[in-house]
PDB file of N, CA and C in Angstrom:
ATOM      1  N   VAL A   1      10.531   7.402  69.037  1.00  0.00           N
ATOM      2  CA  VAL A   1      10.015   8.556  68.310  1.00  0.00           C
ATOM      3  C   VAL A   1      10.952   9.748  68.470  1.00  0.00           C
ATOM      4  N   PHE A   2      11.473   9.945  69.664  1.00  0.00           N
ATOM      5  CA  PHE A   2      12.379  11.053  69.948  1.00  0.00           C
ATOM      6  C   PHE A   2      13.690  10.481  70.498  1.00  0.00           C
ATOM      7  N   PRO A   3      14.592  10.026  69.625  1.00  0.00           N
ATOM      8  CA  PRO A   3      15.791   9.320  70.099  1.00  0.00           C
ATOM      9  C   PRO A   3      16.766  10.174  70.907  1.00  0.00           C
ATOM     10  N   GLN A   4      16.654  11.487  70.835  1.00  0.00           N
ATOM     11  CA  GLN A   4      17.610  12.349  71.531  1.00  0.00           C
ATOM     12  C   GLN A   4      17.153  12.791  72.924  1.00  0.00           C
ATOM     13  N   VAL A   5      15.964  12.354  73.361  1.00  0.00           N
ATOM     14  CA  VAL A   5      15.477  12.809  74.662  1.00  0.00           C
ATOM     15  C   VAL A   5      16.301  12.207  75.792  1.00  0.00           C
ATOM     16  N   ASN A   6      16.270  12.896  76.915  1.00  0.00           N
ATOM     17  CA  ASN A   6      17.010  12.475  78.097  1.00  0.00           C
ATOM     18  C   ASN A   6      16.043  11.776  79.049  1.00  0.00           C
ATOM     19  N   VAL A   7      16.140  10.453  79.120  1.00  0.00           N
ATOM     20  CA  VAL A   7      15.270   9.675  80.010  1.00  0.00           C
ATOM     21  C   VAL A   7      16.113   8.878  81.002  1.00  0.00           C
ATOM     22  N   THR A   8      15.510   8.622  82.146  1.00  0.00           N
ATOM     23  CA  THR A   8      16.132   7.811  83.184  1.00  0.00           C
ATOM     24  C   THR A   8      15.193   6.663  83.501  1.00  0.00           C
ATOM     25  N   LYS A   9      15.733   5.449  83.516  1.00  0.00           N
ATOM     26  CA  LYS A   9      14.921   4.305  83.923  1.00  0.00           C
ATOM     27  C   LYS A   9      14.869   4.300  85.447  1.00  0.00           C
ATOM     28  N   MET A  10      13.660   4.368  85.969  1.00  0.00           N
ATOM     29  CA  MET A  10      13.463   4.397  87.412  1.00  0.00           C
ATOM     30  C   MET A  10      13.580   2.979  87.973  1.00  0.00           C
ATOM     31  N   GLY A  11      13.755   2.890  89.274  1.00  0.00           N
ATOM     32  CA  GLY A  11      13.845   1.591  89.931  1.00  0.00           C
ATOM     33  C   GLY A  11      12.485   0.929  90.042  1.00  0.00           C
ATOM     34  N   SER A  12      12.486  -0.276  90.540  1.00  0.00           N
ATOM     35  CA  SER A  12      11.219  -1.009  90.686  1.00  0.00           C
ATOM     36  C   SER A  12      10.347  -0.340  91.735  1.00  0.00           C
ATOM     37  N   TRP A  13       9.078  -0.504  91.589  1.00  0.00           N
ATOM     38  CA  TRP A  13       8.107   0.070  92.513  1.00  0.00           C
ATOM     39  C   TRP A  13       7.454  -1.060  93.289  1.00  0.00           C
ATOM     40  N   GLY A  14       7.398  -0.927  94.590  1.00  0.00           N
ATOM     41  CA  GLY A  14       6.707  -1.906  95.423  1.00  0.00           C
ATOM     42  C   GLY A  14       7.260  -3.304  95.313  1.00  0.00           C
ATOM     43  N   HIS A  15       8.530  -3.423  94.986  1.00  0.00           N
ATOM     44  CA  HIS A  15       9.194  -4.718  94.838  1.00  0.00           C
ATOM     45  C   HIS A  15       8.615  -5.550  93.704  1.00  0.00           C
ATOM     46  N   PHE A  16       7.929  -4.895  92.752  1.00  0.00           N
ATOM     47  CA  PHE A  16       7.441  -5.604  91.573  1.00  0.00           C
ATOM     48  C   PHE A  16       8.594  -5.820  90.611  1.00  0.00           C
ATOM     49  N   ASN A  17       8.496  -6.847  89.812  1.00  0.00           N
ATOM     50  CA  ASN A  17       9.445  -7.102  88.755  1.00  0.00           C
ATOM     51  C   ASN A  17       9.435  -5.914  87.789  1.00  0.00           C
ATOM     52  N   CYS A  18      10.570  -5.606  87.181  1.00  0.00           N
ATOM     53  CA  CYS A  18      10.638  -4.473  86.250  1.00  0.00           C
ATOM     54  C   CYS A  18       9.725  -4.652  85.029  1.00  0.00           C
ATOM     55  N   SER A  19       9.253  -5.851  84.789  1.00  0.00           N
ATOM     56  CA  SER A  19       8.276  -6.047  83.713  1.00  0.00           C
ATOM     57  C   SER A  19       6.986  -5.292  84.011  1.00  0.00           C
ATOM     58  N   TYR A  20       6.731  -5.048  85.305  1.00  0.00           N
ATOM     59  CA  TYR A  20       5.490  -4.406  85.726  1.00  0.00           C
ATOM     60  C   TYR A  20       5.706  -3.032  86.340  1.00  0.00           C
ATOM     61  N   SER A  21       6.937  -2.625  86.461  1.00  0.00           N
ATOM     62  CA  SER A  21       7.224  -1.305  87.023  1.00  0.00           C
ATOM     63  C   SER A  21       8.454  -0.755  86.302  1.00  0.00           C
ATOM     64  N   CYS A  22       9.307  -0.050  86.985  1.00  0.00           N
ATOM     65  CA  CYS A  22      10.526   0.518  86.381  1.00  0.00           C
ATOM     66  C   CYS A  22      10.195   1.400  85.172  1.00  0.00           C
ATOM     67  N   SER A  23       9.357   2.384  85.394  1.00  0.00           N
ATOM     68  CA  SER A  23       8.986   3.288  84.309  1.00  0.00           C
ATOM     69  C   SER A  23      10.162   4.177  83.923  1.00  0.00           C
ATOM     70  N   PHE A  24      10.007   4.878  82.835  1.00  0.00           N
ATOM     71  CA  PHE A  24      11.026   5.803  82.365  1.00  0.00           C
ATOM     72  C   PHE A  24      10.576   7.225  82.660  1.00  0.00           C
ATOM     73  N   LEU A  25      11.495   8.037  83.126  1.00  0.00           N
ATOM     74  CA  LEU A  25      11.207   9.425  83.466  1.00  0.00           C
ATOM     75  C   LEU A  25      11.895  10.337  82.465  1.00  0.00           C
ATOM     76  N   LEU A  26      11.105  11.139  81.784  1.00  0.00           N
ATOM     77  CA  LEU A  26      11.649  12.151  80.892  1.00  0.00           C
ATOM     78  C   LEU A  26      12.225  13.263  81.756  1.00  0.00           C
ATOM     79  N   ALA A  27      13.471  13.629  81.521  1.00  0.00           N
ATOM     80  CA  ALA A  27      14.131  14.651  82.334  1.00  0.00           C
ATOM     81  C   ALA A  27      13.360  15.964  82.257  1.00  0.00           C
ATOM     82  N   PRO A  28      13.068  16.561  83.399  1.00  0.00           N
ATOM     83  CA  PRO A  28      12.299  17.808  83.410  1.00  0.00           C
ATOM     84  C   PRO A  28      12.993  18.947  82.676  1.00  0.00           C
ATOM     85  N   GLU A  29      14.316  18.889  82.565  1.00  0.00           N
ATOM     86  CA  GLU A  29      15.027  19.946  81.861  1.00  0.00           C
ATOM     87  C   GLU A  29      15.114  19.714  80.352  1.00  0.00           C
ATOM     88  N   ASP A  30      14.622  18.547  79.883  1.00  0.00           N
ATOM     89  CA  ASP A  30      14.634  18.271  78.448  1.00  0.00           C
ATOM     90  C   ASP A  30      13.686  19.232  77.735  1.00  0.00           C
ATOM     91  N   PRO A  31      14.099  19.812  76.618  1.00  0.00           N
ATOM     92  CA  PRO A  31      13.254  20.789  75.919  1.00  0.00           C
ATOM     93  C   PRO A  31      11.878  20.264  75.509  1.00  0.00           C
ATOM     94  N   ILE A  32      11.744  18.957  75.341  1.00  0.00           N
ATOM     95  CA  ILE A  32      10.447  18.424  74.914  1.00  0.00           C
ATOM     96  C   ILE A  32       9.509  18.154  76.090  1.00  0.00           C
ATOM     97  N   PHE A  33      10.012  18.239  77.329  1.00  0.00           N
ATOM     98  CA  PHE A  33       9.198  17.960  78.509  1.00  0.00           C
ATOM     99  C   PHE A  33       7.911  18.780  78.546  1.00  0.00           C
ATOM    100  N   PRO A  34       7.957  20.106  78.387  1.00  0.00           N
ATOM    101  CA  PRO A  34       6.699  20.867  78.468  1.00  0.00           C
ATOM    102  C   PRO A  34       5.721  20.517  77.351  1.00  0.00           C
ATOM    103  N   ILE A  35       6.228  20.151  76.202  1.00  0.00           N
ATOM    104  CA  ILE A  35       5.354  19.788  75.077  1.00  0.00           C
ATOM    105  C   ILE A  35       4.640  18.477  75.375  1.00  0.00           C
ATOM    106  N   ILE A  36       5.397  17.465  75.748  1.00  0.00           N
ATOM    107  CA  ILE A  36       4.797  16.155  76.048  1.00  0.00           C
ATOM    108  C   ILE A  36       3.899  16.245  77.277  1.00  0.00           C
ATOM    109  N   GLY A  37       4.333  16.985  78.295  1.00  0.00           N
ATOM    110  CA  GLY A  37       3.515  17.146  79.490  1.00  0.00           C
ATOM    111  C   GLY A  37       2.174  17.780  79.198  1.00  0.00           C
ATOM    112  N   SER A  38       2.178  18.813  78.383  1.00  0.00           N
ATOM    113  CA  SER A  38       0.942  19.496  78.030  1.00  0.00           C
ATOM    114  C   SER A  38       0.036  18.602  77.178  1.00  0.00           C
ATOM    115  N   LEU A  39       0.630  17.907  76.216  1.00  0.00           N
ATOM    116  CA  LEU A  39      -0.159  16.991  75.380  1.00  0.00           C
ATOM    117  C   LEU A  39      -0.754  15.858  76.213  1.00  0.00           C
ATOM    118  N   PHE A  40       0.018  15.341  77.151  1.00  0.00           N
ATOM    119  CA  PHE A  40      -0.473  14.271  78.021  1.00  0.00           C
ATOM    120  C   PHE A  40      -1.691  14.737  78.807  1.00  0.00           C
ATOM    121  N   LEU A  41      -1.594  15.913  79.388  1.00  0.00           N
ATOM    122  CA  LEU A  41      -2.705  16.425  80.186  1.00  0.00           C
ATOM    123  C   LEU A  41      -3.941  16.678  79.315  1.00  0.00           C
ATOM    124  N   ARG A  42      -3.744  17.186  78.113  1.00  0.00           N
ATOM    125  CA  ARG A  42      -4.886  17.399  77.207  1.00  0.00           C
ATOM    126  C   ARG A  42      -5.590  16.086  76.886  1.00  0.00           C
ATOM    127  N   GLU A  43      -4.810  15.038  76.616  1.00  0.00           N
ATOM    128  CA  GLU A  43      -5.397  13.728  76.317  1.00  0.00           C
ATOM    129  C   GLU A  43      -6.116  13.159  77.544  1.00  0.00           C
ATOM    130  N   LEU A  44      -5.538  13.344  78.700  1.00  0.00           N
ATOM    131  CA  LEU A  44      -6.163  12.885  79.941  1.00  0.00           C
ATOM    132  C   LEU A  44      -7.514  13.559  80.142  1.00  0.00           C
ATOM    133  N   ILE A  45      -7.564  14.861  79.915  1.00  0.00           N
ATOM    134  CA  ILE A  45      -8.816  15.610  80.069  1.00  0.00           C
ATOM    135  C   ILE A  45      -9.841  15.177  79.022  1.00  0.00           C
ATOM    136  N   LYS A  46      -9.394  14.938  77.789  1.00  0.00           N
ATOM    137  CA  LYS A  46     -10.326  14.468  76.751  1.00  0.00           C
ATOM    138  C   LYS A  46     -10.957  13.137  77.140  1.00  0.00           C
ATOM    139  N   GLU A  47     -10.154  12.270  77.732  1.00  0.00           N
ATOM    140  CA  GLU A  47     -10.635  10.932  78.080  1.00  0.00           C
ATOM    141  C   GLU A  47     -11.493  10.926  79.339  1.00  0.00           C
ATOM    142  N   PHE A  48     -11.097  11.678  80.358  1.00  0.00           N
ATOM    143  CA  PHE A  48     -11.742  11.567  81.660  1.00  0.00           C
ATOM    144  C   PHE A  48     -12.435  12.833  82.150  1.00  0.00           C
ATOM    145  N   GLY A  49     -12.292  13.941  81.423  1.00  0.00           N
ATOM    146  CA  GLY A  49     -12.834  15.199  81.910  1.00  0.00           C
ATOM    147  C   GLY A  49     -11.921  15.769  82.975  1.00  0.00           C
ATOM    148  N   THR A  50     -12.377  16.826  83.637  1.00  0.00           N
ATOM    149  CA  THR A  50     -11.527  17.431  84.659  1.00  0.00           C
ATOM    150  C   THR A  50     -12.351  18.083  85.748  1.00  0.00           C
ATOM    151  N   ASP A  51     -11.784  18.101  86.937  1.00  0.00           N
ATOM    152  CA  ASP A  51     -12.346  18.892  88.023  1.00  0.00           C
ATOM    153  C   ASP A  51     -11.365  20.000  88.378  1.00  0.00           C
ATOM    154  N   HIS A  52     -10.314  20.146  87.531  1.00  0.00           N
ATOM    155  CA  HIS A  52      -9.289  21.176  87.658  1.00  0.00           C
ATOM    156  C   HIS A  52      -8.432  21.011  88.902  1.00  0.00           C
ATOM    157  N   ILE A  53      -8.361  19.790  89.423  1.00  0.00           N
ATOM    158  CA  ILE A  53      -7.475  19.481  90.533  1.00  0.00           C
ATOM    159  C   ILE A  53      -6.558  18.356  90.051  1.00  0.00           C
ATOM    160  N   TYR A  54      -5.258  18.596  90.101  1.00  0.00           N
ATOM    161  CA  TYR A  54      -4.298  17.639  89.568  1.00  0.00           C
ATOM    162  C   TYR A  54      -3.207  17.364  90.587  1.00  0.00           C
ATOM    163  N   GLY A  55      -2.729  16.142  90.589  1.00  0.00           N
ATOM    164  CA  GLY A  55      -1.594  15.785  91.419  1.00  0.00           C
ATOM    165  C   GLY A  55      -0.304  16.036  90.654  1.00  0.00           C
ATOM    166  N   ALA A  56       0.703  16.502  91.337  1.00  0.00           N
ATOM    167  CA  ALA A  56       1.974  16.785  90.675  1.00  0.00           C
ATOM    168  C   ALA A  56       3.147  16.172  91.424  1.00  0.00           C
ATOM    169  N   ASP A  57       2.904  15.102  92.141  1.00  0.00           N
ATOM    170  CA  ASP A  57       3.961  14.433  92.894  1.00  0.00           C
ATOM    171  C   ASP A  57       4.651  13.432  91.982  1.00  0.00           C
ATOM    172  N   THR A  58       5.637  13.893  91.270  1.00  0.00           N
ATOM    173  CA  THR A  58       6.320  13.075  90.269  1.00  0.00           C
ATOM    174  C   THR A  58       6.938  11.821  90.871  1.00  0.00           C
ATOM    175  N   PHE A  59       7.392  11.900  92.092  1.00  0.00           N
ATOM    176  CA  PHE A  59       8.128  10.794  92.680  1.00  0.00           C
ATOM    177  C   PHE A  59       7.373  10.120  93.814  1.00  0.00           C
ATOM    178  N   ASN A  60       6.058  10.081  93.711  1.00  0.00           N
ATOM    179  CA  ASN A  60       5.246   9.416  94.716  1.00  0.00           C
ATOM    180  C   ASN A  60       5.638   7.935  94.774  1.00  0.00           C
ATOM    181  N   GLU A  61       6.123   7.512  95.914  1.00  0.00           N
ATOM    182  CA  GLU A  61       6.540   6.129  96.152  1.00  0.00           C
ATOM    183  C   GLU A  61       7.680   5.685  95.239  1.00  0.00           C
ATOM    184  N   MET A  62       8.444   6.639  94.723  1.00  0.00           N
ATOM    185  CA  MET A  62       9.587   6.323  93.868  1.00  0.00           C
ATOM    186  C   MET A  62      10.777   7.156  94.327  1.00  0.00           C
ATOM    187  N   GLN A  63      11.959   6.629  94.142  1.00  0.00           N
ATOM    188  CA  GLN A  63      13.178   7.352  94.489  1.00  0.00           C
ATOM    189  C   GLN A  63      13.559   8.258  93.315  1.00  0.00           C
ATOM    190  N   PRO A  64      13.649   9.563  93.515  1.00  0.00           N
ATOM    191  CA  PRO A  64      14.028  10.450  92.421  1.00  0.00           C
ATOM    192  C   PRO A  64      15.476  10.210  91.991  1.00  0.00           C
ATOM    193  N   PRO A  65      15.814  10.567  90.758  1.00  0.00           N
ATOM    194  CA  PRO A  65      17.194  10.412  90.295  1.00  0.00           C
ATOM    195  C   PRO A  65      18.187  11.226  91.137  1.00  0.00           C
ATOM    196  N   SER A  66      17.713  12.295  91.739  1.00  0.00           N
ATOM    197  CA  SER A  66      18.557  13.125  92.604  1.00  0.00           C
ATOM    198  C   SER A  66      17.696  13.640  93.754  1.00  0.00           C
ATOM    199  N   SER A  67      18.281  13.708  94.930  1.00  0.00           N
ATOM    200  CA  SER A  67      17.576  14.262  96.084  1.00  0.00           C
ATOM    201  C   SER A  67      17.974  15.709  96.350  1.00  0.00           C
ATOM    202  N   GLU A  68      18.747  16.274  95.450  1.00  0.00           N
ATOM    203  CA  GLU A  68      19.159  17.668  95.592  1.00  0.00           C
ATOM    204  C   GLU A  68      17.938  18.578  95.530  1.00  0.00           C
ATOM    205  N   PRO A  69      17.801  19.500  96.476  1.00  0.00           N
ATOM    206  CA  PRO A  69      16.654  20.411  96.449  1.00  0.00           C
ATOM    207  C   PRO A  69      16.505  21.171  95.121  1.00  0.00           C
ATOM    208  N   SER A  70      17.617  21.532  94.497  1.00  0.00           N
ATOM    209  CA  SER A  70      17.528  22.259  93.220  1.00  0.00           C
ATOM    210  C   SER A  70      16.923  21.378  92.127  1.00  0.00           C
ATOM    211  N   TYR A  71      17.271  20.086  92.099  1.00  0.00           N
ATOM    212  CA  TYR A  71      16.678  19.172  91.119  1.00  0.00           C
ATOM    213  C   TYR A  71      15.183  18.996  91.381  1.00  0.00           C
ATOM    214  N   LEU A  72      14.824  18.749  92.630  1.00  0.00           N
ATOM    215  CA  LEU A  72      13.414  18.542  92.967  1.00  0.00           C
ATOM    216  C   LEU A  72      12.588  19.785  92.667  1.00  0.00           C
ATOM    217  N   ALA A  73      13.133  20.959  92.940  1.00  0.00           N
ATOM    218  CA  ALA A  73      12.428  22.208  92.633  1.00  0.00           C
ATOM    219  C   ALA A  73      12.265  22.373  91.129  1.00  0.00           C
ATOM    220  N   ALA A  74      13.307  22.056  90.353  1.00  0.00           N
ATOM    221  CA  ALA A  74      13.225  22.171  88.896  1.00  0.00           C
ATOM    222  C   ALA A  74      12.215  21.180  88.324  1.00  0.00           C
ATOM    223  N   ALA A  75      12.174  19.964  88.868  1.00  0.00           N
ATOM    224  CA  ALA A  75      11.210  18.960  88.397  1.00  0.00           C
ATOM    225  C   ALA A  75       9.786  19.423  88.674  1.00  0.00           C
ATOM    226  N   THR A  76       9.553  19.918  89.871  1.00  0.00           N
ATOM    227  CA  THR A  76       8.220  20.401  90.230  1.00  0.00           C
ATOM    228  C   THR A  76       7.810  21.586  89.362  1.00  0.00           C
ATOM    229  N   THR A  77       8.725  22.487  89.126  1.00  0.00           N
ATOM    230  CA  THR A  77       8.443  23.649  88.273  1.00  0.00           C
ATOM    231  C   THR A  77       8.103  23.207  86.854  1.00  0.00           C
ATOM    232  N   ALA A  78       8.849  22.256  86.322  1.00  0.00           N
ATOM    233  CA  ALA A  78       8.591  21.775  84.959  1.00  0.00           C
ATOM    234  C   ALA A  78       7.214  21.125  84.853  1.00  0.00           C
ATOM    235  N   VAL A  79       6.841  20.336  85.851  1.00  0.00           N
ATOM    236  CA  VAL A  79       5.515  19.702  85.844  1.00  0.00           C
ATOM    237  C   VAL A  79       4.425  20.770  85.913  1.00  0.00           C
ATOM    238  N   TYR A  80       4.585  21.722  86.808  1.00  0.00           N
ATOM    239  CA  TYR A  80       3.582  22.784  86.941  1.00  0.00           C
ATOM    240  C   TYR A  80       3.450  23.588  85.648  1.00  0.00           C
ATOM    241  N   GLU A  81       4.573  23.936  85.054  1.00  0.00           N
ATOM    242  CA  GLU A  81       4.529  24.716  83.808  1.00  0.00           C
ATOM    243  C   GLU A  81       3.865  23.930  82.679  1.00  0.00           C
ATOM    244  N   ALA A  82       4.115  22.644  82.601  1.00  0.00           N
ATOM    245  CA  ALA A  82       3.446  21.823  81.586  1.00  0.00           C
ATOM    246  C   ALA A  82       1.940  21.769  81.838  1.00  0.00           C
ATOM    247  N   MET A  83       1.555  21.709  83.110  1.00  0.00           N
ATOM    248  CA  MET A  83       0.136  21.655  83.451  1.00  0.00           C
ATOM    249  C   MET A  83      -0.567  22.974  83.111  1.00  0.00           C
ATOM    250  N   THR A  84       0.090  24.076  83.366  1.00  0.00           N
ATOM    251  CA  THR A  84      -0.558  25.360  83.111  1.00  0.00           C
ATOM    252  C   THR A  84      -0.527  25.729  81.638  1.00  0.00           C
ATOM    253  N   ALA A  85       0.365  25.096  80.872  1.00  0.00           N
ATOM    254  CA  ALA A  85       0.389  25.364  79.426  1.00  0.00           C
ATOM    255  C   ALA A  85      -0.868  24.803  78.772  1.00  0.00           C
TER     256      ALA A  85
END
């Protein structure tokens, strides 16, 4: 749908075959990230409701594309901004 987006294929999770893991991560600095993030959260709330408590650990049990503090801070900021939008 969006051929120009910047995505990274993540590694396998829990030693599962990539058929069952290896998700794709939309780069937090991609201009469409806040739009998709906000739409995702709206759909989640429509389906399940909300208690206004959300997890924002993008790399829970996954190796991030970069361990640089500046990258991790930017990723966290992008997720938070999408959530508050």
